[in-house]
Amino acid sequence: MKPYLKYEDSGIEWIGEIPEHWEVTKLKYSDKVIMGQSPNSDDYNDTNEGLPFLQGNADFKTLFPKPKVWCETANKIAEKEDVLLSVRAPIGAVNIADQSYGIGRGLCAIRSKKSLAKLLFYLALSLSDELNSIGTGSTYTAVSIDDIANVFIPNIPPIEQQTIANYLDHKTHQIDTLIEKKQKLIDLLKEQRLAIINHAVTKGLNPNVKLKDSGIEWLGEIPEHWEVKRLKYIANVQFSNVDKKSYENEEDVFLCNYLDVYNNEFINSKIGFMKATALPREIEKFTIKYGDVLTTKDSETPDDIANAALVTEDFNNVLCGYHLTHIRPDRRFLLGEYLFRLFYAKKFNDQFAVSANGITRYGLSTHSFNSSYISLPSINEQNQIAEYLDKIAKEIDISIGNHIKSIKLLKEYRTALISEAVTGKIDVREEVSV
C-alpha cells in the first residue's frame, strides 16, 4: 500500500506524521462526548421497561451491544450510530449503538458532529493505547470525560473520511470473514476431538468388536468383554475442604485450585499454584499424586460441571483445593489416564449435568460421583485407549493451536490496518471501495 506524497509532523505522538493537507483537532471540537451515569440499582429491571441500559463493556459484543437490563430513569442516553467507548478497565473497548441506550458510568458515547459516524468508529478503535496511557486509578484504571474530550484526533477532509471508511468496511469485512471461517474450523475440530473420545471410551478401538447391552440406559451398548461398575468400587472420591484460611500448627503448601483444573487438562509443575497453609492431616489426605483425577464440582450452569484434569506428576506439597473433587483410582482396576478421558465423553458427563443441584450455582455431591457408572475395559485396554486418545488429542490440539495463532495474526493485522488508514500512513484513495 502506497503512502501519501507529502507528510508533516502532527505534533501528537500517537498520530505521528500526517498527510500535509490533513490537520489535527481535539475530539471535543469535532464531535460530542456524553459520559455515562448510573441510576440507583433499584431502577433497573429485566422486564424490558424503559430503555435498554448498558452498564459497561461487559455488555459489548463484536459490533453491537447486548443489554441485560432496562431502565426507565436513564439520565445519559446514546443514540443510534453513536460510538460506545469503555472508559473503565479495559479502557478502549468499542461498540456501535444500534438503537437508543441508557449508558452507565463505565461507558461514554461519542456522537458524530463533524466526523463521519463510521470513520469515528474506526478512530475510536485506534485510541485504545492512547487512552490507556492516560488512565488513572488505584482500584481500576479509568479515563474522565475531559481525558476523552481533549484527546487529539486527525482532522480529515470529508471526502477522504468517506473513502477511508468505505475502504476499512471492505477490508475488515474480508478479515472478519477469514476469522469467522477459522473459528468455525476450530469448533469443528473440538467437536471431532470430543466425538473420538466419546466413541473410544464407550465402544473401544476395535470396530468389529461384539457389543452387549450395558444395562444402563444412557450408556447403551458396550463391548461384550467390558464391565460396568460404579466409581465408588474402583476409586476413592473425596471433596477437598482446604482453602486459603490459616490456622495454628499449619504448614506451608501450595493449592491446586478451581481455575487450575478448569483451564488445564493436565496438572503439572508448569502451573503456578497458589500458596497456602494446611494442617498435617489435610496434607496427608489431599496431597495430589500421579494418576489422580481432579474435577470441578460446582459451576454457574449444570452443563459446565465436572471438568476434569489429570495429575501427571507426583507432588510433595501440592494439595487439592476447595471446590474440587479429588479422585484416586485403584490402579488395579482403573487408570486415571482412562478415567480422565471418560469425563470428556458426553454420555458419561451427562450423569453429572443431570444430578447437579442449585439455582444460581450448581453443585454435585460425593454421591453423584460415587454412584456414577464407569464403562470398564481391562487395564491393558484402558492403557491402549488412553495412549490412542493422547496421540489424537495432541494432533488435533496442534491444528487448533495453529488456527488460533492465525486468528491472532489476522486480528493484529486488522488493528494495524485501521490505525494506518485513519492516521494517513497509507493512501487508500485509489483502492477499491464499496
Protein backbone atom coordinates (compact mmCIF):
# COMPACT_ATOMS: atom_id res chain seq x y z
CA MET A 1 0.00 0.00 0.00
CA LYS A 2 1.49 3.31 -1.05
CA PRO A 3 1.81 6.34 1.27
CA TYR A 4 0.71 9.91 0.57
CA LEU A 5 3.20 12.04 -1.36
CA LYS A 6 3.98 14.56 1.38
CA TYR A 7 3.77 14.46 5.18
CA GLU A 8 4.22 16.78 8.11
CA ASP A 9 4.64 16.18 11.82
CA SER A 10 1.27 16.25 13.61
CA GLY A 11 2.89 17.08 16.94
CA ILE A 12 0.84 14.28 18.53
CA GLU A 13 2.78 11.16 19.49
CA TRP A 14 0.09 8.55 18.85
CA ILE A 15 -0.74 10.04 15.45
CA GLY A 16 2.78 10.76 14.21
CA GLU A 17 3.20 12.19 10.72
CA ILE A 18 0.06 13.02 8.73
CA PRO A 19 -0.55 13.95 5.09
CA GLU A 20 0.29 17.63 4.66
CA HIS A 21 -3.31 18.57 3.78
CA TRP A 22 -4.66 16.99 6.99
CA GLU A 23 -4.85 18.65 10.40
CA VAL A 24 -5.36 17.52 13.97
CA THR A 25 -8.01 18.63 16.40
CA LYS A 26 -9.28 17.78 19.86
CA LEU A 27 -12.21 15.38 19.84
CA LYS A 28 -14.45 17.90 21.64
CA TYR A 29 -14.10 20.36 18.74
CA SER A 30 -15.10 17.74 16.22
CA ASP A 31 -17.70 15.59 17.91
CA LYS A 32 -19.78 15.33 21.10
CA VAL A 33 -18.78 13.21 24.11
CA ILE A 34 -21.52 12.05 26.51
CA MET A 35 -20.27 10.44 29.72
CA GLY A 36 -22.49 7.73 31.17
CA GLN A 37 -24.23 7.97 34.53
CA SER A 38 -25.65 5.10 36.55
CA PRO A 39 -29.10 5.32 38.20
CA ASN A 40 -29.87 3.66 41.52
CA SER A 41 -29.69 -0.12 41.39
CA ASP A 42 -33.41 -0.26 42.25
CA ASP A 43 -34.21 1.47 38.96
CA TYR A 44 -33.02 -1.45 36.82
CA ASN A 45 -35.39 -4.13 35.56
CA ASP A 46 -35.24 -7.22 33.36
CA THR A 47 -38.80 -6.84 32.02
CA ASN A 48 -37.98 -4.56 29.07
CA GLU A 49 -39.43 -1.46 30.75
CA GLY A 50 -37.81 1.80 29.66
CA LEU A 51 -34.58 1.97 27.65
CA PRO A 52 -32.16 -0.93 27.31
CA PHE A 53 -29.34 0.00 29.68
CA LEU A 54 -25.63 -0.65 29.22
CA GLN A 55 -23.65 -0.73 32.44
CA GLY A 56 -20.22 -1.20 30.88
CA ASN A 57 -18.16 -3.14 28.37
CA ALA A 58 -19.47 -6.43 29.80
CA ASP A 59 -22.50 -5.77 27.60
CA PHE A 60 -20.35 -5.41 24.46
CA LYS A 61 -20.34 -7.99 21.66
CA THR A 62 -18.44 -7.96 18.35
CA LEU A 63 -20.04 -4.78 16.99
CA PHE A 64 -23.34 -4.08 18.72
CA PRO A 65 -24.01 -4.43 22.45
CA LYS A 66 -26.45 -6.87 24.03
CA PRO A 67 -28.18 -5.36 27.08
CA LYS A 68 -29.06 -7.40 30.14
CA VAL A 69 -31.19 -4.81 31.95
CA TRP A 70 -33.54 -1.92 31.22
CA CYS A 71 -34.11 1.40 32.98
CA GLU A 72 -36.93 3.97 32.98
CA THR A 73 -34.82 6.70 34.61
CA ALA A 74 -31.68 6.73 32.45
CA ASN A 75 -30.13 10.21 32.51
CA LYS A 76 -27.48 9.69 29.86
CA ILE A 77 -28.57 8.32 26.52
CA ALA A 78 -26.67 7.07 23.49
CA GLU A 79 -28.48 7.44 20.18
CA LYS A 80 -28.37 5.08 17.21
CA GLU A 81 -24.96 5.22 15.42
CA ASP A 82 -23.20 6.73 18.46
CA VAL A 83 -19.83 5.16 19.16
CA LEU A 84 -19.82 3.44 22.55
CA LEU A 85 -16.46 3.56 24.32
CA SER A 86 -15.43 1.82 27.52
CA VAL A 87 -13.90 4.31 29.99
CA ARG A 88 -13.01 1.74 32.68
CA ALA A 89 -10.66 -1.20 32.51
CA PRO A 90 -10.43 -2.48 29.93
CA ILE A 91 -10.35 1.07 28.60
CA GLY A 92 -10.92 1.43 24.88
CA ALA A 93 -13.36 -1.38 24.08
CA VAL A 94 -15.65 -0.12 21.31
CA ASN A 95 -19.16 -0.91 20.06
CA ILE A 96 -21.75 0.94 17.97
CA ALA A 97 -25.22 1.79 19.25
CA ASP A 98 -27.74 0.05 17.01
CA GLN A 99 -30.61 1.76 18.89
CA SER A 100 -31.05 4.18 21.77
CA TYR A 101 -29.48 3.03 25.05
CA GLY A 102 -29.16 4.34 28.55
CA ILE A 103 -25.46 4.28 29.45
CA GLY A 104 -23.79 3.80 32.83
CA ARG A 105 -20.61 5.34 34.14
CA GLY A 106 -18.46 2.61 32.65
CA LEU A 107 -19.15 3.97 29.18
CA CYS A 108 -19.26 7.13 27.15
CA ALA A 109 -20.99 7.81 23.85
CA ILE A 110 -19.27 9.76 21.08
CA ARG A 111 -21.79 11.40 18.77
CA SER A 112 -20.79 12.41 15.27
CA LYS A 113 -20.95 16.13 14.52
CA LYS A 114 -18.20 16.85 12.02
CA SER A 115 -16.75 13.39 11.67
CA LEU A 116 -18.41 10.70 9.61
CA ALA A 117 -20.02 8.30 12.08
CA LYS A 118 -18.35 5.17 10.68
CA LEU A 119 -14.95 6.85 10.50
CA LEU A 120 -15.41 7.91 14.13
CA PHE A 121 -15.86 4.24 14.98
CA TYR A 122 -12.54 3.36 13.35
CA LEU A 123 -10.83 6.29 15.04
CA ALA A 124 -12.15 5.11 18.41
CA LEU A 125 -10.69 1.64 17.77
CA SER A 126 -7.29 3.29 17.30
CA LEU A 127 -7.46 5.26 20.57
CA SER A 128 -7.11 2.32 22.96
CA ASP A 129 -3.35 2.64 23.64
CA GLU A 130 -3.53 6.43 23.96
CA LEU A 131 -6.43 6.31 26.42
CA ASN A 132 -4.83 3.56 28.48
CA SER A 133 -1.65 5.62 28.75
CA ILE A 134 -3.55 8.48 30.42
CA GLY A 135 -5.90 6.35 32.52
CA THR A 136 -5.62 6.68 36.30
CA GLY A 137 -6.96 4.92 39.38
CA SER A 138 -5.85 2.55 42.14
CA THR A 139 -8.80 0.14 42.25
CA TYR A 140 -9.31 0.17 38.48
CA THR A 141 -7.94 2.29 35.66
CA ALA A 142 -10.35 4.83 34.15
CA VAL A 143 -10.45 7.94 32.00
CA SER A 144 -12.62 11.02 32.56
CA ILE A 145 -14.80 12.91 30.14
CA ASP A 146 -12.10 15.60 29.95
CA ASP A 147 -9.48 12.97 29.06
CA ILE A 148 -11.61 11.79 26.16
CA ALA A 149 -12.81 15.22 25.03
CA ASN A 150 -9.24 16.55 24.92
CA VAL A 151 -7.67 13.66 23.07
CA PHE A 152 -6.31 14.67 19.67
CA ILE A 153 -7.62 13.00 16.51
CA PRO A 154 -6.79 13.51 12.83
CA ASN A 155 -8.99 16.13 11.15
CA ILE A 156 -9.54 14.52 7.76
CA PRO A 157 -11.22 16.19 4.79
CA PRO A 158 -14.85 14.95 4.47
CA ILE A 159 -14.39 13.25 1.08
CA GLU A 160 -11.42 11.26 2.37
CA GLN A 161 -13.34 10.32 5.53
CA GLN A 162 -15.89 8.53 3.36
CA THR A 163 -13.18 6.89 1.23
CA ILE A 164 -11.29 5.64 4.30
CA ALA A 165 -14.50 4.37 5.95
CA ASN A 166 -15.52 2.53 2.77
CA TYR A 167 -12.07 1.00 2.40
CA LEU A 168 -11.97 -0.16 6.02
CA ASP A 169 -15.52 -1.53 5.83
CA HIS A 170 -14.42 -3.62 2.84
CA LYS A 171 -11.08 -4.80 4.25
CA THR A 172 -12.28 -5.51 7.78
CA HIS A 173 -15.20 -7.49 6.36
CA GLN A 174 -12.71 -9.64 4.44
CA ILE A 175 -10.57 -10.13 7.54
CA ASP A 176 -13.54 -10.84 9.79
CA THR A 177 -14.85 -13.41 7.29
CA LEU A 178 -11.49 -15.21 7.40
CA ILE A 179 -11.50 -15.12 11.20
CA GLU A 180 -15.05 -16.49 11.28
CA LYS A 181 -14.11 -19.37 8.96
CA LYS A 182 -11.09 -20.25 11.08
CA GLN A 183 -13.20 -20.11 14.24
CA LYS A 184 -15.70 -22.50 12.67
CA LEU A 185 -12.82 -24.86 11.83
CA ILE A 186 -11.69 -24.68 15.47
CA ASP A 187 -15.22 -25.51 16.63
CA LEU A 188 -15.40 -28.46 14.22
CA LEU A 189 -12.03 -29.76 15.40
CA LYS A 190 -13.18 -29.54 19.02
CA GLU A 191 -16.36 -31.44 18.14
CA GLN A 192 -14.28 -34.08 16.32
CA ARG A 193 -11.99 -34.39 19.33
CA LEU A 194 -14.92 -34.99 21.69
CA ALA A 195 -16.59 -37.42 19.29
CA ILE A 196 -13.43 -39.53 19.05
CA ILE A 197 -13.04 -39.56 22.84
CA ASN A 198 -16.71 -40.42 23.33
CA HIS A 199 -16.54 -43.38 20.96
CA ALA A 200 -13.25 -44.73 22.30
CA VAL A 201 -14.30 -44.82 25.95
CA THR A 202 -17.74 -46.29 25.26
CA LYS A 203 -17.09 -48.63 22.30
CA GLY A 204 -13.33 -49.21 22.36
CA LEU A 205 -10.85 -49.16 19.48
CA ASN A 206 -11.86 -52.34 17.66
CA PRO A 207 -14.60 -51.50 15.11
CA ASN A 208 -15.50 -55.22 14.77
CA VAL A 209 -15.95 -55.96 18.46
CA LYS A 210 -19.18 -57.65 19.53
CA LEU A 211 -21.42 -55.48 21.68
CA LYS A 212 -23.78 -56.17 24.55
CA ASP A 213 -26.39 -54.19 26.38
CA SER A 214 -24.70 -52.40 29.28
CA GLY A 215 -27.88 -52.44 31.33
CA ILE A 216 -27.53 -48.68 31.74
CA GLU A 217 -29.98 -46.71 29.60
CA TRP A 218 -27.73 -43.71 28.91
CA LEU A 219 -24.69 -45.87 28.17
CA GLY A 220 -26.34 -48.22 25.72
CA GLU A 221 -24.24 -50.99 24.18
CA ILE A 222 -20.63 -51.63 25.13
CA PRO A 223 -18.06 -54.24 24.05
CA GLU A 224 -19.18 -57.64 25.34
CA HIS A 225 -15.99 -58.22 27.36
CA TRP A 226 -16.28 -54.87 29.21
CA GLU A 227 -17.78 -54.43 32.64
CA VAL A 228 -19.86 -51.65 34.17
CA LYS A 229 -19.07 -50.57 37.72
CA ARG A 230 -19.90 -47.67 39.97
CA LEU A 231 -16.97 -45.37 40.58
CA LYS A 232 -17.05 -45.88 44.36
CA TYR A 233 -15.96 -49.51 43.95
CA ILE A 234 -12.82 -48.72 41.95
CA ALA A 235 -11.70 -45.30 43.20
CA ASN A 236 -11.54 -43.15 46.30
CA VAL A 237 -13.63 -39.98 45.93
CA GLN A 238 -13.31 -37.07 48.33
CA PHE A 239 -14.19 -33.37 48.37
CA SER A 240 -11.39 -31.08 49.44
CA ASN A 241 -12.05 -28.55 52.20
CA VAL A 242 -8.59 -26.94 52.04
CA ASP A 243 -8.76 -23.20 51.36
CA LYS A 244 -6.60 -20.11 51.95
CA LYS A 245 -7.56 -19.66 55.61
CA SER A 246 -4.78 -20.02 58.17
CA TYR A 247 -4.91 -21.82 61.49
CA GLU A 248 -2.30 -22.67 64.12
CA ASN A 249 0.10 -25.56 63.53
CA GLU A 250 -0.29 -25.33 59.76
CA GLU A 251 2.49 -25.92 57.27
CA ASP A 252 3.23 -24.04 54.05
CA VAL A 253 1.81 -25.76 50.98
CA PHE A 254 0.51 -25.00 47.50
CA LEU A 255 -3.07 -25.43 46.35
CA CYS A 256 -4.25 -26.71 43.02
CA ASN A 257 -7.39 -24.62 42.76
CA TYR A 258 -10.59 -24.49 40.72
CA LEU A 259 -9.18 -22.44 37.83
CA ASP A 260 -6.10 -24.66 37.58
CA VAL A 261 -8.40 -27.58 36.82
CA TYR A 262 -10.91 -25.61 34.75
CA ASN A 263 -8.22 -24.16 32.46
CA ASN A 264 -5.87 -27.15 32.16
CA GLU A 265 -6.27 -30.76 31.12
CA PHE A 266 -3.02 -31.78 32.79
CA ILE A 267 -1.80 -30.79 36.25
CA ASN A 268 1.98 -30.47 36.36
CA SER A 269 4.73 -28.31 37.81
CA LYS A 270 4.37 -25.75 35.00
CA ILE A 271 1.25 -24.42 36.70
CA GLY A 272 1.77 -21.56 39.12
CA PHE A 273 -0.02 -22.95 42.16
CA MET A 274 -1.42 -20.72 44.89
CA LYS A 275 0.49 -20.51 48.18
CA ALA A 276 -1.44 -21.60 51.26
CA THR A 277 -1.14 -23.40 54.58
CA ALA A 278 -2.67 -26.69 55.74
CA LEU A 279 -2.88 -28.94 58.75
CA PRO A 280 -0.77 -32.15 58.77
CA ARG A 281 -3.91 -34.30 58.43
CA GLU A 282 -5.02 -32.26 55.41
CA ILE A 283 -1.61 -32.64 53.81
CA GLU A 284 -1.77 -36.39 54.29
CA LYS A 285 -5.29 -36.60 52.91
CA PHE A 286 -5.28 -34.17 49.97
CA THR A 287 -1.75 -34.15 48.54
CA ILE A 288 -2.10 -34.95 44.85
CA LYS A 289 -0.03 -37.58 43.06
CA TYR A 290 0.48 -39.05 39.62
CA GLY A 291 -2.68 -40.62 38.19
CA ASP A 292 -5.14 -38.67 40.34
CA VAL A 293 -8.09 -37.08 38.57
CA LEU A 294 -9.34 -33.71 39.81
CA THR A 295 -12.70 -32.31 38.76
CA THR A 296 -14.71 -29.18 39.40
CA LYS A 297 -17.77 -29.92 41.49
CA ASP A 298 -19.78 -26.75 41.01
CA SER A 299 -20.47 -24.20 38.29
CA GLU A 300 -22.88 -21.47 37.24
CA THR A 301 -24.50 -23.85 34.73
CA PRO A 302 -25.16 -27.60 35.01
CA ASP A 303 -23.67 -28.18 31.55
CA ASP A 304 -20.34 -26.70 32.64
CA ILE A 305 -19.70 -29.00 35.56
CA ALA A 306 -17.34 -31.91 36.32
CA ASN A 307 -14.49 -30.54 34.21
CA ALA A 308 -11.57 -32.92 34.71
CA ALA A 309 -7.78 -32.71 34.79
CA LEU A 310 -5.19 -35.47 35.12
CA VAL A 311 -2.28 -35.18 37.55
CA THR A 312 0.81 -36.14 35.56
CA GLU A 313 3.47 -35.75 38.27
CA ASP A 314 3.97 -36.72 41.91
CA PHE A 315 3.90 -33.76 44.31
CA ASN A 316 5.03 -33.48 47.93
CA ASN A 317 3.41 -30.17 48.83
CA VAL A 318 0.58 -29.52 46.36
CA LEU A 319 -2.90 -30.18 47.71
CA CYS A 320 -6.26 -30.48 46.04
CA GLY A 321 -8.01 -27.20 46.79
CA TYR A 322 -11.53 -26.17 47.69
CA HIS A 323 -14.43 -26.60 45.20
CA LEU A 324 -12.71 -29.64 43.69
CA THR A 325 -13.28 -33.37 43.72
CA HIS A 326 -10.16 -35.45 44.38
CA ILE A 327 -10.42 -38.89 42.74
CA ARG A 328 -7.73 -41.51 43.27
CA PRO A 329 -8.37 -44.58 41.11
CA ASP A 330 -7.50 -48.05 42.33
CA ARG A 331 -4.97 -48.76 39.59
CA ARG A 332 -5.63 -52.49 39.79
CA PHE A 333 -8.98 -51.80 38.11
CA LEU A 334 -8.99 -48.22 36.80
CA LEU A 335 -6.34 -45.96 35.33
CA GLY A 336 -6.55 -42.22 35.90
CA GLU A 337 -5.44 -41.71 32.28
CA TYR A 338 -8.59 -43.53 31.13
CA LEU A 339 -10.93 -42.00 33.73
CA PHE A 340 -9.75 -38.51 32.81
CA ARG A 341 -10.76 -39.08 29.17
CA LEU A 342 -14.05 -40.61 30.28
CA PHE A 343 -15.05 -37.30 31.87
CA TYR A 344 -14.90 -35.75 28.39
CA ALA A 345 -17.34 -38.31 26.97
CA LYS A 346 -20.79 -36.75 26.71
CA LYS A 347 -22.64 -39.88 27.79
CA PHE A 348 -20.55 -40.16 30.94
CA ASN A 349 -20.55 -36.45 31.74
CA ASP A 350 -24.31 -36.13 31.27
CA GLN A 351 -24.72 -38.08 34.51
CA PHE A 352 -23.33 -35.12 36.39
CA ALA A 353 -25.28 -32.45 34.49
CA VAL A 354 -28.48 -34.30 35.41
CA SER A 355 -27.62 -34.72 39.09
CA ALA A 356 -26.33 -31.15 39.62
CA ASN A 357 -28.42 -29.19 42.11
CA GLY A 358 -28.76 -25.45 42.54
CA ILE A 359 -30.47 -22.23 41.48
CA THR A 360 -27.79 -19.59 40.87
CA ARG A 361 -24.89 -22.04 41.18
CA TYR A 362 -24.98 -25.78 40.56
CA GLY A 363 -23.16 -28.29 42.70
CA LEU A 364 -22.51 -32.02 42.92
CA SER A 365 -22.44 -34.26 45.96
CA THR A 366 -19.95 -37.05 46.65
CA HIS A 367 -22.87 -39.40 45.98
CA SER A 368 -23.08 -38.03 42.41
CA PHE A 369 -19.51 -39.14 41.78
CA ASN A 370 -19.56 -42.37 43.77
CA SER A 371 -22.75 -43.60 42.12
CA SER A 372 -21.67 -42.75 38.55
CA TYR A 373 -21.29 -45.71 36.22
CA ILE A 374 -17.98 -46.50 34.53
CA SER A 375 -17.66 -48.43 31.29
CA LEU A 376 -14.69 -50.56 32.24
CA PRO A 377 -12.35 -52.45 29.88
CA SER A 378 -9.31 -54.30 31.14
CA ILE A 379 -6.30 -52.36 32.43
CA ASN A 380 -4.36 -53.24 29.28
CA GLU A 381 -7.17 -51.95 27.04
CA GLN A 382 -7.61 -48.83 29.19
CA ASN A 383 -3.93 -48.10 28.63
CA GLN A 384 -4.28 -48.61 24.86
CA ILE A 385 -7.30 -46.30 24.72
CA ALA A 386 -5.53 -43.64 26.79
CA GLU A 387 -2.41 -43.75 24.58
CA TYR A 388 -4.51 -43.58 21.41
CA LEU A 389 -6.52 -40.61 22.70
CA ASP A 390 -3.35 -38.82 23.81
CA LYS A 391 -1.98 -39.13 20.28
CA ILE A 392 -5.21 -37.99 18.59
CA ALA A 393 -5.78 -35.15 21.06
CA LYS A 394 -2.25 -33.83 20.53
CA GLU A 395 -2.66 -33.86 16.74
CA ILE A 396 -5.98 -32.04 16.90
CA ASP A 397 -4.70 -29.60 19.54
CA ILE A 398 -1.75 -28.69 17.30
CA SER A 399 -4.15 -27.95 14.45
CA ILE A 400 -6.38 -25.89 16.77
CA GLY A 401 -3.34 -24.03 18.05
CA ASN A 402 -2.26 -23.15 14.51
CA HIS A 403 -5.69 -21.74 13.74
CA ILE A 404 -5.67 -19.75 16.98
CA LYS A 405 -2.29 -18.26 16.06
CA SER A 406 -3.61 -17.41 12.62
CA ILE A 407 -6.64 -15.66 14.13
CA LYS A 408 -4.36 -13.67 16.43
CA LEU A 409 -2.24 -12.53 13.47
CA LEU A 410 -5.35 -11.57 11.49
CA LYS A 411 -6.63 -9.51 14.43
CA GLU A 412 -3.25 -7.79 14.77
CA TYR A 413 -3.24 -7.04 11.02
CA ARG A 414 -6.79 -5.67 11.28
CA THR A 415 -5.80 -3.34 14.13
CA ALA A 416 -2.68 -2.15 12.31
CA LEU A 417 -4.56 -1.58 9.06
CA ILE A 418 -7.22 0.55 10.78
CA SER A 419 -4.56 2.61 12.57
CA GLU A 420 -2.54 3.17 9.39
CA ALA A 421 -5.63 4.23 7.42
CA VAL A 422 -7.07 6.69 9.97
CA THR A 423 -3.68 8.30 10.67
CA GLY A 424 -2.79 8.64 6.98
CA LYS A 425 0.14 6.23 6.85
CA ILE A 426 -1.41 4.65 3.76
CA ASP A 427 -3.25 6.33 0.89
CA VAL A 428 -6.45 4.40 0.14
CA ARG A 429 -7.99 6.88 -2.28
CA GLU A 430 -7.23 4.72 -5.32
CA GLU A 431 -8.11 1.46 -3.61
CA VAL A 432 -11.34 -0.48 -4.17
CA SER A 433 -14.17 0.99 -2.09
CA VAL A 434 -17.63 -0.34 -1.57
